[in-house]
Structures are given as structure tokens and as C-alpha cells.
């Protein structure tokens, strides 16, 4: 039996954050009913057409769900949502602040009416405060949380290359819902949950926030290198390829000098014999390392650092990742269906000997409307 088998989730979701959260629940066996607007659906369906005519964001976050279309400005369709909630264990939504209340679905009243229901609302900045009604897209929350200020090069800040604010908020919605389900087993009661994108990403900003608040200066932007540990980042090799290495302590620094650079004396150089000195003098040290690497191919560098037990990585592009030998060796890809044809889908990262995750198809818009209405005893509109 799957961990969440028998749990029904109704979700008024769009974009990334909540769809990502509910997909995790579907992976564990929950029935996820995705409520979409007739005709257009979740606007993330239209972000691009790169995956057999479908959006790459959408196929990533929406497998294993059922799609029903409802016009929630229509009283009959509102009644259908009310009937769905009578059967639901969890209701999740990320509409604009106050929208769900204006429709008549006030979270506290819903839990009072359905005492076992868990209601989770996800927003950009949370209830109350001057930012409550402010629009919150992923990049903008990255800016507000300070992530962009610590990402990029010395000359230019940069956003993260993925929707990291959405993902952070989605993961806290997911774990919050799991926690509420566990608590309901003890108390028999549901609850109201709230997740803010700013606060979710803010939790992940703990190290640079503490560093700046108590250290007296902002962390430096250092591109793909670590801002306070060195050498920790990219180095070009003689074949023009880039290898990333990461040293954590003085023992590894000594090994790196001796076994990779073949220069044992460098470990005792007064400019580099402590991490803070290496970080302060990183431009000089980078020149020394890359002059040594210029005589070597990236394969030889990887071979040397592996032998020295120094952490390292190749700079893969996305196609390299899709064909990663480790994922292939661990059989991590599955095939799922979409309205445009079958695609590869990566297994969830948590594995168990006791169950396999659900890996069902990505739904077409409104694909399950008739079936769900029939379950509810509601006649479909002509």
C-alpha cells in the first residue's frame, strides 16, 4: 500500500509552487484532483511547447493528477467544488491573495464545516503586512529574499537558473501537509496552513543572512566559486574543459598540493596556509592552479583529484545530466504519457524498499471532468 493511498487532495493551483507540492503528494499515492479554468487551464500549460507540444514546466509538475475544469464564477461549478471538498482530505490553493475568500471558501470556515480537512494556502508574502497584495513571481521573490544579491559575478548579480523560490515554497507546502496529516492521526482534526514564498526562500538564505548581519559585510558574489571557501569552484584545464573542485579543510589542501599540483611546498605558502588566506588571495591562487592544469586534460585532472580524494565534478549541460551515467546505473528514469506522447520522467529522490512511487500520465485539460462529475452525481453541462 502506498503511503498516501486513500488520501484525496483537491487543488486550485497554477504556475509552479503548488503544482510541485501536489505532485509530490501524488508520487506517494494521493489522489490529486487539479481544478482548472475552462478553455485555458493552469497558465503554466502555455509557458512553452518544447515537450511534444506541451510546456516543460507543466509536464514536470503535473504527472499522476486528474484534471477537472470548473468556472468558479458560476454558482453551479462552485457547488461542484463544495461537493469535492466534502470528500477531500486536503485542499491546496495559490490563487491571488483574498481570491478564495471572495469566492466564499474561507479556510477557517471550511475547516469548521469539515473538521478533518487540511487547508493549505500558498502566497508570495503571507497574510498581513504591506506586501500582502504585492504580486510575487519567482524572480521577484529571489530579489526580495536577497538571493540575487549573493548570486552572480562581482560585476553583475544574477538570479538562480531555476524557479527556486517556487520550489522552496512548494516543498514547505508538501512537508507541511504531510505534518498535518500525521497530526490528524493523533487529534482527528484538520487545520489551516499558510506558506509564504518569501519566508520559504528566506529559510534557505540563513547562511548569507547571518554572515551579513553579524559579520559586518555582505557575502561577495563570486560567480560559480564559493564566496568564503577556496579553492571551491571552476578551473579550466588544458583541453578547454572546466572541472569543479571543492576543498573543505587543511588536510585536503595539503593533499591537493602534493598529489594534484605536485607542489608540496605550496601548502605552507604564507599566502595560502589557511582557508581565509586562500579566499583573500584567490586571484593569485587561481592563476597558480590553472597554470598547472593547463598542462593537463580534464580527464587527467579528474583522475588526480579522485585519487587524492578531493571532491570534484564535471561541468555538465542539461543533455549531459539527462544521460548521466549514475542515473542510468541506478535505473532512475521511467516513461510516462502526456497528451503529446510519452516522455522520460525522473523518479522521486526518496526511495523505499516497501513501495514504488506513482508515475502516471500528465493530464489533458479537463480530461477527468466527466468522470469526477459522475462520481459526485452531478450532471455535466451541455
Protein backbone atom coordinates (compact mmCIF):
# COMPACT_ATOMS: atom_id res chain seq x y z
CA UNK A 1 0.00 0.00 0.00
CA UNK A 2 1.31 3.43 -0.92
CA UNK A 3 1.88 5.84 2.00
CA UNK A 4 -0.84 8.30 0.91
CA UNK A 5 -3.22 5.81 -0.70
CA UNK A 6 -6.78 6.79 0.24
CA UNK A 7 -5.89 10.49 0.68
CA UNK A 8 -7.73 12.86 -1.65
CA UNK A 9 -6.22 16.25 -2.47
CA UNK A 10 -8.21 18.97 -4.24
CA UNK A 11 -6.01 21.72 -5.61
CA UNK A 12 -6.80 25.13 -7.07
CA UNK A 13 -3.31 25.53 -8.44
CA UNK A 14 -1.35 27.34 -11.08
CA UNK A 15 2.25 28.04 -12.08
CA UNK A 16 4.90 26.04 -10.17
CA UNK A 17 4.82 26.18 -6.37
CA UNK A 18 1.57 24.38 -5.53
CA UNK A 19 1.65 22.05 -8.56
CA UNK A 20 5.14 20.98 -7.45
CA UNK A 21 3.86 20.33 -3.91
CA UNK A 22 0.83 18.31 -5.01
CA UNK A 23 2.88 16.27 -7.47
CA UNK A 24 4.97 15.08 -4.53
CA UNK A 25 1.74 14.01 -2.81
CA UNK A 26 0.63 12.20 -5.97
CA UNK A 27 4.01 10.43 -6.11
CA UNK A 28 3.17 8.91 -2.71
CA UNK A 29 -0.23 7.66 -3.81
CA UNK A 30 -2.60 10.54 -3.04
CA UNK A 31 -5.40 11.17 -5.48
CA UNK A 32 -4.80 14.73 -6.67
CA UNK A 33 -7.72 16.47 -8.39
CA UNK A 34 -6.46 19.56 -10.19
CA UNK A 35 -9.17 22.22 -10.66
CA UNK A 36 -8.53 24.31 -13.79
CA UNK A 37 -10.26 27.11 -15.65
CA UNK A 38 -12.29 26.03 -18.71
CA UNK A 39 -10.58 26.69 -22.01
CA UNK A 40 -7.18 27.81 -20.75
CA UNK A 41 -6.46 25.85 -17.57
CA UNK A 42 -3.35 26.37 -15.50
CA UNK A 43 -1.46 29.14 -17.31
CA UNK A 44 1.77 27.12 -16.96
CA UNK A 45 0.37 24.88 -19.70
CA UNK A 46 1.27 27.69 -22.09
CA UNK A 47 4.77 28.62 -20.94
CA UNK A 48 6.35 26.85 -23.93
CA UNK A 49 5.73 23.95 -26.32
CA UNK A 50 9.05 22.12 -26.08
CA UNK A 51 7.88 18.73 -24.74
CA UNK A 52 5.86 17.16 -27.54
CA UNK A 53 3.86 20.37 -27.79
CA UNK A 54 3.50 20.80 -24.02
CA UNK A 55 5.19 23.11 -21.52
CA UNK A 56 8.36 21.80 -19.87
CA UNK A 57 7.26 23.35 -16.56
CA UNK A 58 3.84 21.72 -16.78
CA UNK A 59 4.94 18.16 -17.52
CA UNK A 60 7.49 18.40 -14.70
CA UNK A 61 4.96 19.37 -12.02
CA UNK A 62 1.71 17.67 -13.07
CA UNK A 63 2.11 13.96 -13.64
CA UNK A 64 -0.24 11.50 -11.91
CA UNK A 65 -3.06 14.05 -11.45
CA UNK A 66 -6.67 14.27 -12.60
CA UNK A 67 -7.85 17.47 -14.28
CA UNK A 68 -11.35 18.88 -13.90
CA UNK A 69 -12.43 22.21 -15.39
CA UNK A 70 -14.71 24.43 -13.32
CA UNK A 71 -15.77 28.04 -13.79
CA UNK A 72 -15.70 29.28 -10.22
CA UNK A 73 -17.61 32.42 -11.13
CA UNK A 74 -20.55 30.10 -11.81
CA UNK A 75 -22.63 29.08 -8.77
CA UNK A 76 -23.24 25.56 -10.07
CA UNK A 77 -19.50 24.98 -10.50
CA UNK A 78 -18.85 26.42 -7.04
CA UNK A 79 -21.26 23.80 -5.77
CA UNK A 80 -19.24 21.11 -7.55
CA UNK A 81 -16.11 22.34 -5.73
CA UNK A 82 -18.06 22.23 -2.44
CA UNK A 83 -19.00 18.61 -3.16
CA UNK A 84 -15.38 17.77 -3.93
CA UNK A 85 -14.31 19.27 -0.60
CA UNK A 86 -16.80 17.06 1.24
CA UNK A 87 -14.74 14.08 0.07
CA UNK A 88 -11.32 15.71 0.35
CA UNK A 89 -8.62 15.29 2.98
CA UNK A 90 -6.56 18.24 1.74
CA UNK A 91 -7.38 21.46 -0.11
CA UNK A 92 -4.47 23.47 -1.51
CA UNK A 93 -4.59 26.77 -3.36
CA UNK A 94 -2.32 29.55 -4.61
CA UNK A 95 -4.74 32.00 -6.17
CA UNK A 96 -4.22 35.75 -5.72
CA UNK A 97 -4.42 36.89 -2.08
CA UNK A 98 -8.05 37.04 -0.96
CA UNK A 99 -9.44 35.40 -4.14
CA UNK A 100 -10.50 32.16 -2.48
CA UNK A 101 -12.25 34.07 0.32
CA UNK A 102 -14.13 36.23 -2.21
CA UNK A 103 -15.44 33.04 -3.79
CA UNK A 104 -16.89 32.06 -0.42
CA UNK A 105 -14.27 29.48 0.56
CA UNK A 106 -12.77 30.94 3.72
CA UNK A 107 -10.13 28.49 5.08
CA UNK A 108 -11.15 28.77 8.74
CA UNK A 109 -14.83 28.31 7.84
CA UNK A 110 -14.00 25.33 5.63
CA UNK A 111 -12.24 23.57 8.50
CA UNK A 112 -15.11 24.39 10.82
CA UNK A 113 -17.53 22.85 8.32
CA UNK A 114 -15.25 19.86 7.59
CA UNK A 115 -13.29 19.27 10.83
CA UNK A 116 -10.87 16.75 9.28
CA UNK A 117 -9.99 18.93 6.27
CA UNK A 118 -6.46 20.32 5.91
CA UNK A 119 -6.43 23.66 4.06
CA UNK A 120 -3.11 24.97 2.76
CA UNK A 121 -2.78 28.41 1.15
CA UNK A 122 0.44 29.47 -0.57
CA UNK A 123 1.15 33.12 -1.37
CA UNK A 124 4.06 35.38 -2.15
CA UNK A 125 4.35 37.30 1.09
CA UNK A 126 1.75 35.93 3.52
CA UNK A 127 -1.28 37.49 5.17
CA UNK A 128 -0.96 40.93 6.67
CA UNK A 129 1.87 43.41 6.28
CA UNK A 130 2.48 45.92 3.49
CA UNK A 131 3.40 43.25 0.92
CA UNK A 132 0.26 41.09 1.26
CA UNK A 133 -1.24 42.17 -2.08
CA UNK A 134 2.08 42.58 -3.92
CA UNK A 135 2.49 40.36 -6.99
CA UNK A 136 5.06 37.67 -6.33
CA UNK A 137 6.78 35.92 -9.21
CA UNK A 138 9.80 33.71 -8.65
CA UNK A 139 12.46 36.19 -9.81
CA UNK A 140 10.92 38.99 -7.75
CA UNK A 141 10.91 36.90 -4.58
CA UNK A 142 14.53 35.93 -5.27
CA UNK A 143 15.26 39.66 -5.25
CA UNK A 144 13.27 40.40 -2.09
CA UNK A 145 14.89 37.50 -0.21
CA UNK A 146 18.39 38.71 -1.13
CA UNK A 147 19.28 35.68 -3.25
CA UNK A 148 20.07 37.76 -6.34
CA UNK A 149 22.43 39.94 -4.26
CA UNK A 150 24.67 36.95 -3.47
CA UNK A 151 24.42 35.20 -6.87
CA UNK A 152 26.38 36.12 -9.96
CA UNK A 153 29.74 37.74 -10.57
CA UNK A 154 31.49 40.61 -8.82
CA UNK A 155 30.24 42.93 -11.56
CA UNK A 156 26.72 41.66 -12.10
CA UNK A 157 24.10 39.99 -9.87
CA UNK A 158 22.11 37.08 -11.25
CA UNK A 159 19.02 35.08 -10.44
CA UNK A 160 19.14 31.33 -9.88
CA UNK A 161 18.66 29.40 -13.12
CA UNK A 162 15.62 27.51 -11.78
CA UNK A 163 12.40 28.62 -10.06
CA UNK A 164 13.97 28.28 -6.65
CA UNK A 165 11.50 30.45 -4.72
CA UNK A 166 8.60 28.42 -6.12
CA UNK A 167 10.39 25.17 -5.34
CA UNK A 168 11.21 26.22 -1.77
CA UNK A 169 7.60 27.23 -1.12
CA UNK A 170 6.28 24.07 -2.78
CA UNK A 171 8.47 21.85 -0.64
CA UNK A 172 7.32 23.56 2.57
CA UNK A 173 3.69 23.18 1.46
CA UNK A 174 4.36 19.48 0.79
CA UNK A 175 6.07 18.83 4.13
CA UNK A 176 3.54 20.98 5.97
CA UNK A 177 0.68 18.93 4.55
CA UNK A 178 2.43 15.67 5.49
CA UNK A 179 2.93 17.02 9.01
CA UNK A 180 -0.76 18.00 9.24
CA UNK A 181 -1.82 14.54 8.05
CA UNK A 182 0.34 12.94 10.77
CA UNK A 183 -1.09 15.29 13.38
CA UNK A 184 -4.63 14.48 12.25
CA UNK A 185 -3.93 10.82 13.02
CA UNK A 186 -3.37 11.88 16.65
CA UNK A 187 -6.08 14.51 17.02
CA UNK A 188 -8.68 13.60 14.41
CA UNK A 189 -8.74 17.22 13.30
CA UNK A 190 -7.59 19.11 10.25
CA UNK A 191 -6.02 22.54 10.27
CA UNK A 192 -5.26 25.70 8.29
CA UNK A 193 -1.72 26.07 6.90
CA UNK A 194 -0.10 29.09 5.30
CA UNK A 195 3.14 29.15 3.28
CA UNK A 196 4.87 32.32 2.07
CA UNK A 197 7.36 32.22 -0.79
CA UNK A 198 9.42 34.97 0.86
CA UNK A 199 9.66 33.09 4.14
CA UNK A 200 10.32 29.73 2.46
CA UNK A 201 13.22 31.08 0.42
CA UNK A 202 14.28 33.20 3.41
CA UNK A 203 14.84 30.00 5.39
CA UNK A 204 17.27 28.87 2.70
CA UNK A 205 19.11 32.19 2.92
CA UNK A 206 20.19 31.57 6.52
CA UNK A 207 23.95 31.40 5.98
CA UNK A 208 24.37 34.63 3.96
CA UNK A 209 21.84 36.44 6.17
CA UNK A 210 23.75 35.59 9.36
CA UNK A 211 27.07 36.30 7.65
CA UNK A 212 25.94 39.81 6.69
CA UNK A 213 24.01 40.66 9.85
CA UNK A 214 26.71 39.62 12.29
CA UNK A 215 29.85 39.76 10.14
CA UNK A 216 29.52 43.38 9.19
CA UNK A 217 29.68 42.92 5.40
CA UNK A 218 27.68 41.31 2.62
CA UNK A 219 28.90 38.00 1.15
CA UNK A 220 30.82 38.63 -2.05
CA UNK A 221 29.41 37.50 -5.38
CA UNK A 222 31.96 35.07 -6.77
CA UNK A 223 30.30 33.51 -9.81
CA UNK A 224 30.48 29.73 -9.66
CA UNK A 225 33.06 29.80 -6.85
CA UNK A 226 32.23 29.66 -3.15
CA UNK A 227 32.21 33.10 -1.54
CA UNK A 228 34.13 32.10 1.62
CA UNK A 229 35.87 28.76 0.90
CA UNK A 230 38.73 28.41 -1.60
CA UNK A 231 39.63 26.66 -3.81
CA UNK A 232 35.96 25.72 -4.31
CA UNK A 233 34.68 26.25 -7.83
CA UNK A 234 35.60 26.08 -11.53
CA UNK A 235 39.06 25.71 -13.04
CA UNK A 236 39.90 25.49 -16.74
CA UNK A 237 42.02 22.61 -17.98
CA UNK A 238 44.37 22.25 -20.94
CA UNK A 239 41.67 20.80 -23.21
CA UNK A 240 39.44 23.85 -22.68
CA UNK A 241 37.02 21.97 -20.43
CA UNK A 242 36.13 23.05 -16.90
CA UNK A 243 36.47 20.96 -13.76
CA UNK A 244 35.00 21.97 -10.41
CA UNK A 245 36.85 21.10 -7.23
CA UNK A 246 35.91 21.67 -3.61
CA UNK A 247 38.30 21.65 -0.64
CA UNK A 248 36.93 21.71 2.90
CA UNK A 249 39.92 21.66 5.26
CA UNK A 250 43.70 21.93 5.64
CA UNK A 251 44.28 18.20 5.27
CA UNK A 252 42.64 18.27 1.84
CA UNK A 253 44.59 21.40 0.90
CA UNK A 254 47.86 19.61 1.67
CA UNK A 255 46.75 16.56 -0.34
CA UNK A 256 45.72 18.77 -3.26
CA UNK A 257 49.11 20.48 -3.36
CA UNK A 258 51.04 17.24 -3.04
CA UNK A 259 49.04 14.85 -5.23
CA UNK A 260 47.32 17.08 -7.78
CA UNK A 261 49.62 20.09 -8.27
CA UNK A 262 52.81 18.16 -7.48
CA UNK A 263 53.97 21.12 -5.37
CA UNK A 264 54.05 20.13 -1.70
CA UNK A 265 55.69 23.43 -0.68
CA UNK A 266 52.62 25.41 -1.79
CA UNK A 267 50.67 24.05 1.18
CA UNK A 268 52.94 26.03 3.53
CA UNK A 269 52.99 29.23 1.49
CA UNK A 270 52.12 32.12 3.83
CA UNK A 271 49.57 33.42 1.33
CA UNK A 272 47.59 30.16 1.31
CA UNK A 273 48.14 28.20 4.55
CA UNK A 274 44.65 28.88 5.95
CA UNK A 275 41.27 28.96 4.25
CA UNK A 276 40.66 32.65 4.96
CA UNK A 277 44.04 33.47 3.38
CA UNK A 278 43.30 31.36 0.31
CA UNK A 279 39.95 33.12 -0.02
CA UNK A 280 41.54 36.57 0.33
CA UNK A 281 44.24 35.69 -2.22
CA UNK A 282 42.07 33.69 -4.57
CA UNK A 283 43.11 35.53 -7.74
CA UNK A 284 46.76 34.60 -7.23
CA UNK A 285 45.89 31.03 -6.28
CA UNK A 286 43.55 30.60 -9.24
CA UNK A 287 46.39 31.61 -11.57
CA UNK A 288 48.72 29.06 -9.97
CA UNK A 289 46.16 26.24 -10.19
CA UNK A 290 45.14 26.96 -13.78
CA UNK A 291 48.78 27.22 -14.89
CA UNK A 292 49.26 23.69 -13.53
CA UNK A 293 46.01 22.46 -15.09
CA UNK A 294 46.95 24.00 -18.47
CA UNK A 295 49.36 21.10 -18.94
CA UNK A 296 46.62 18.52 -18.25
CA UNK A 297 43.39 17.38 -19.85
CA UNK A 298 40.21 17.49 -17.80
CA UNK A 299 40.22 13.67 -17.63
CA UNK A 300 43.70 13.69 -16.09
CA UNK A 301 42.70 16.38 -13.59
CA UNK A 302 39.62 14.36 -12.58
CA UNK A 303 41.79 11.26 -12.24
CA UNK A 304 44.26 13.07 -9.97
CA UNK A 305 41.68 14.71 -7.72
CA UNK A 306 39.77 11.43 -7.43
CA UNK A 307 42.96 9.65 -6.39
CA UNK A 308 43.62 12.39 -3.83
CA UNK A 309 40.03 12.02 -2.56
CA UNK A 310 39.24 15.64 -3.39
CA UNK A 311 35.59 16.44 -4.16
CA UNK A 312 35.09 17.28 -7.83
CA UNK A 313 32.60 17.48 -10.67
CA UNK A 314 32.43 17.98 -14.39
CA UNK A 315 30.53 20.98 -15.74
CA UNK A 316 27.60 19.14 -17.33
CA UNK A 317 24.98 20.72 -19.53
CA UNK A 318 21.36 19.56 -19.33
CA UNK A 319 21.76 16.90 -22.01
CA UNK A 320 24.74 15.54 -20.09
CA UNK A 321 22.56 15.36 -16.97
CA UNK A 322 19.75 13.61 -18.87
CA UNK A 323 22.28 10.94 -19.89
CA UNK A 324 24.17 10.90 -16.59
CA UNK A 325 25.86 7.51 -16.04
CA UNK A 326 24.90 7.46 -12.36
CA UNK A 327 21.20 7.90 -13.11
CA UNK A 328 21.44 5.22 -15.77
CA UNK A 329 23.24 2.81 -13.45
CA UNK A 330 20.59 3.33 -10.76
CA UNK A 331 17.73 2.99 -13.28
CA UNK A 332 16.19 6.33 -12.28
CA UNK A 333 14.19 7.12 -15.43
CA UNK A 334 10.66 5.96 -16.19
CA UNK A 335 8.35 6.58 -19.13
CA UNK A 336 5.07 8.40 -18.63
CA UNK A 337 2.36 9.54 -21.01
CA UNK A 338 1.35 13.07 -21.95
CA UNK A 339 -1.30 14.33 -24.38
CA UNK A 340 1.56 14.77 -26.87
CA UNK A 341 3.17 11.35 -26.41
CA UNK A 342 5.42 9.51 -23.99
CA UNK A 343 8.34 11.22 -22.23
CA UNK A 344 11.07 10.25 -19.76
CA UNK A 345 10.38 11.18 -16.14
CA UNK A 346 12.83 11.10 -13.25
CA UNK A 347 11.88 9.05 -10.21
CA UNK A 348 11.35 10.99 -6.95
CA UNK A 349 14.61 11.28 -4.98
CA UNK A 350 13.36 9.40 -1.90
CA UNK A 351 13.39 5.64 -2.47
CA UNK A 352 11.91 2.88 -0.33
CA UNK A 353 12.09 -0.89 -0.40
CA UNK A 354 8.43 -1.03 0.61
CA UNK A 355 6.75 0.83 -2.27
CA UNK A 356 7.29 2.25 -5.73
CA UNK A 357 6.20 5.85 -6.35
CA UNK A 358 3.26 6.61 -8.62
CA UNK A 359 4.39 7.56 -12.11
CA UNK A 360 1.18 8.15 -14.07
CA UNK A 361 0.38 10.35 -17.04
CA UNK A 362 0.21 14.14 -17.32
CA UNK A 363 -3.48 15.03 -17.82
CA UNK A 364 -5.00 16.91 -20.70
CA UNK A 365 -7.04 19.95 -19.71
CA UNK A 366 -10.35 18.74 -18.25
CA UNK A 367 -9.55 15.11 -19.10
CA UNK A 368 -11.29 13.78 -15.98
CA UNK A 369 -14.17 16.25 -15.71
CA UNK A 370 -16.92 13.85 -16.79
CA UNK A 371 -15.64 11.02 -14.61
CA UNK A 372 -15.41 13.20 -11.49
CA UNK A 373 -18.82 14.77 -12.06
CA UNK A 374 -20.29 11.29 -12.41
CA UNK A 375 -18.70 10.28 -9.10
CA UNK A 376 -20.32 13.29 -7.46
CA UNK A 377 -23.71 12.58 -9.01
CA UNK A 378 -23.64 15.86 -10.91
CA UNK A 379 -24.91 16.19 -14.46
CA UNK A 380 -22.47 17.76 -16.87
CA UNK A 381 -23.46 20.95 -18.63
CA UNK A 382 -24.49 20.70 -22.28
